[in-house]
Amino acid sequence: MKANLSKEVKLQFLDDYFVSTTEAINILQISKQSFYSLVNRNKIQRINKSGVVLYFRDEIIERSNSQKDLRYKYRPFDYRK
């Protein structure tokens, strides 16, 4: 990435490719405890940069899309009638 890009373009890049912890938890609709468990088990990659923690947006969205199948697989009792 070239240093002469405008501040707005750089911020848009960050917004397009990365999410904060709060945004990731909201997208996944899980508790903080569950989220940090996923991070600690390396199911979600954490990026640390000078005290800021970010996560790849694509990875969070992919996890969100597969979440329903995972819940059905590991919590089938929630789906019984």
C-alpha atoms as a PDB file:
ATOM      1  CA  MET A   1       0.000   0.000   0.000  1.00  0.00           C
ATOM      2  CA  LYS A   2       1.441   3.343  -0.993  1.00  0.00           C
ATOM      3  CA  ALA A   3       1.928   6.006   1.664  1.00  0.00           C
ATOM      4  CA  ASN A   4       0.341   8.716  -0.507  1.00  0.00           C
ATOM      5  CA  LEU A   5      -3.188   7.301  -0.217  1.00  0.00           C
ATOM      6  CA  SER A   6      -5.681   9.603   1.426  1.00  0.00           C
ATOM      7  CA  LYS A   7      -6.790   9.053   4.988  1.00  0.00           C
ATOM      8  CA  GLU A   8     -10.332   8.275   3.826  1.00  0.00           C
ATOM      9  CA  VAL A   9      -9.098   5.526   1.483  1.00  0.00           C
ATOM     10  CA  LYS A  10      -7.023   3.976   4.265  1.00  0.00           C
ATOM     11  CA  LEU A  11      -9.979   4.035   6.676  1.00  0.00           C
ATOM     12  CA  GLN A  12     -12.207   2.489   4.017  1.00  0.00           C
ATOM     13  CA  PHE A  13      -9.616  -0.255   3.494  1.00  0.00           C
ATOM     14  CA  LEU A  14      -9.607  -1.028   7.222  1.00  0.00           C
ATOM     15  CA  ASP A  15     -13.407  -1.066   7.312  1.00  0.00           C
ATOM     16  CA  ASP A  16     -13.627  -3.354   4.267  1.00  0.00           C
ATOM     17  CA  TYR A  17     -11.140  -5.980   5.460  1.00  0.00           C
ATOM     18  CA  PHE A  18     -11.066  -5.887   9.270  1.00  0.00           C
ATOM     19  CA  VAL A  19     -13.464  -5.795  12.223  1.00  0.00           C
ATOM     20  CA  SER A  20     -13.060  -5.003  15.900  1.00  0.00           C
ATOM     21  CA  THR A  21     -13.835  -7.427  18.699  1.00  0.00           C
ATOM     22  CA  THR A  22     -17.255  -5.855  19.298  1.00  0.00           C
ATOM     23  CA  GLU A  23     -18.149  -5.966  15.607  1.00  0.00           C
ATOM     24  CA  ALA A  24     -17.058  -9.614  15.356  1.00  0.00           C
ATOM     25  CA  ILE A  25     -19.164 -10.589  18.387  1.00  0.00           C
ATOM     26  CA  ASN A  26     -22.179  -8.788  16.912  1.00  0.00           C
ATOM     27  CA  ILE A  27     -21.759 -10.438  13.506  1.00  0.00           C
ATOM     28  CA  LEU A  28     -21.423 -13.894  15.056  1.00  0.00           C
ATOM     29  CA  GLN A  29     -24.168 -13.248  17.634  1.00  0.00           C
ATOM     30  CA  ILE A  30     -22.285 -15.088  20.365  1.00  0.00           C
ATOM     31  CA  SER A  31     -21.139 -14.200  23.868  1.00  0.00           C
ATOM     32  CA  LYS A  32     -17.749 -12.676  24.610  1.00  0.00           C
ATOM     33  CA  GLN A  33     -16.788 -15.870  26.392  1.00  0.00           C
ATOM     34  CA  SER A  34     -17.608 -17.992  23.333  1.00  0.00           C
ATOM     35  CA  PHE A  35     -15.786 -15.570  21.058  1.00  0.00           C
ATOM     36  CA  TYR A  36     -12.604 -15.561  23.135  1.00  0.00           C
ATOM     37  CA  SER A  37     -12.783 -19.349  23.317  1.00  0.00           C
ATOM     38  CA  LEU A  38     -12.756 -19.474  19.507  1.00  0.00           C
ATOM     39  CA  VAL A  39      -9.805 -17.082  19.408  1.00  0.00           C
ATOM     40  CA  ASN A  40      -7.837 -19.018  22.044  1.00  0.00           C
ATOM     41  CA  ARG A  41      -8.437 -22.283  20.175  1.00  0.00           C
ATOM     42  CA  ASN A  42      -7.154 -20.610  16.974  1.00  0.00           C
ATOM     43  CA  LYS A  43     -10.506 -20.943  15.201  1.00  0.00           C
ATOM     44  CA  ILE A  44     -10.380 -17.189  14.572  1.00  0.00           C
ATOM     45  CA  GLN A  45      -7.117 -15.371  13.891  1.00  0.00           C
ATOM     46  CA  ARG A  46      -6.359 -12.307  16.008  1.00  0.00           C
ATOM     47  CA  ILE A  47      -4.223  -9.462  14.661  1.00  0.00           C
ATOM     48  CA  ASN A  48      -2.424  -7.288  17.220  1.00  0.00           C
ATOM     49  CA  LYS A  49      -0.932  -3.989  16.101  1.00  0.00           C
ATOM     50  CA  SER A  50       0.278  -1.479  18.678  1.00  0.00           C
ATOM     51  CA  GLY A  51      -2.406  -2.346  21.209  1.00  0.00           C
ATOM     52  CA  VAL A  52      -5.213  -2.605  18.667  1.00  0.00           C
ATOM     53  CA  VAL A  53      -6.848  -5.991  18.115  1.00  0.00           C
ATOM     54  CA  LEU A  54      -8.511  -6.678  14.768  1.00  0.00           C
ATOM     55  CA  TYR A  55      -9.960  -9.699  12.991  1.00  0.00           C
ATOM     56  CA  PHE A  56     -10.320 -10.469   9.293  1.00  0.00           C
ATOM     57  CA  ARG A  57     -13.846  -9.566   8.180  1.00  0.00           C
ATOM     58  CA  ASP A  58     -13.962 -12.427   5.625  1.00  0.00           C
ATOM     59  CA  GLU A  59     -13.013 -14.960   8.289  1.00  0.00           C
ATOM     60  CA  ILE A  60     -15.733 -13.696  10.660  1.00  0.00           C
ATOM     61  CA  ILE A  61     -18.384 -13.716   7.924  1.00  0.00           C
ATOM     62  CA  GLU A  62     -17.332 -17.217   6.820  1.00  0.00           C
ATOM     63  CA  ARG A  63     -17.604 -18.414  10.427  1.00  0.00           C
ATOM     64  CA  SER A  64     -21.018 -16.777  10.725  1.00  0.00           C
ATOM     65  CA  ASN A  65     -22.237 -18.549   7.589  1.00  0.00           C
ATOM     66  CA  SER A  66     -21.085 -21.959   8.832  1.00  0.00           C
ATOM     67  CA  GLN A  67     -22.334 -21.384  12.363  1.00  0.00           C
ATOM     68  CA  LYS A  68     -25.837 -22.763  11.841  1.00  0.00           C
ATOM     69  CA  ASP A  69     -24.477 -26.098  10.589  1.00  0.00           C
ATOM     70  CA  LEU A  70     -22.007 -26.249  13.467  1.00  0.00           C
ATOM     71  CA  ARG A  71     -24.746 -25.571  16.015  1.00  0.00           C
ATOM     72  CA  TYR A  72     -26.890 -28.309  14.529  1.00  0.00           C
ATOM     73  CA  LYS A  73     -23.949 -30.726  14.594  1.00  0.00           C
ATOM     74  CA  TYR A  74     -22.820 -30.026  18.159  1.00  0.00           C
ATOM     75  CA  ARG A  75     -26.163 -29.065  19.750  1.00  0.00           C
ATOM     76  CA  PRO A  76     -28.764 -31.301  18.089  1.00  0.00           C
ATOM     77  CA  PHE A  77     -30.927 -31.218  21.220  1.00  0.00           C
ATOM     78  CA  ASP A  78     -31.708 -27.566  20.453  1.00  0.00           C
ATOM     79  CA  TYR A  79     -33.400 -28.689  17.229  1.00  0.00           C
ATOM     80  CA  ARG A  80     -35.504 -31.567  18.549  1.00  0.00           C
ATOM     81  CA  LYS A  81     -39.232 -31.120  18.706  1.00  0.00           C
END
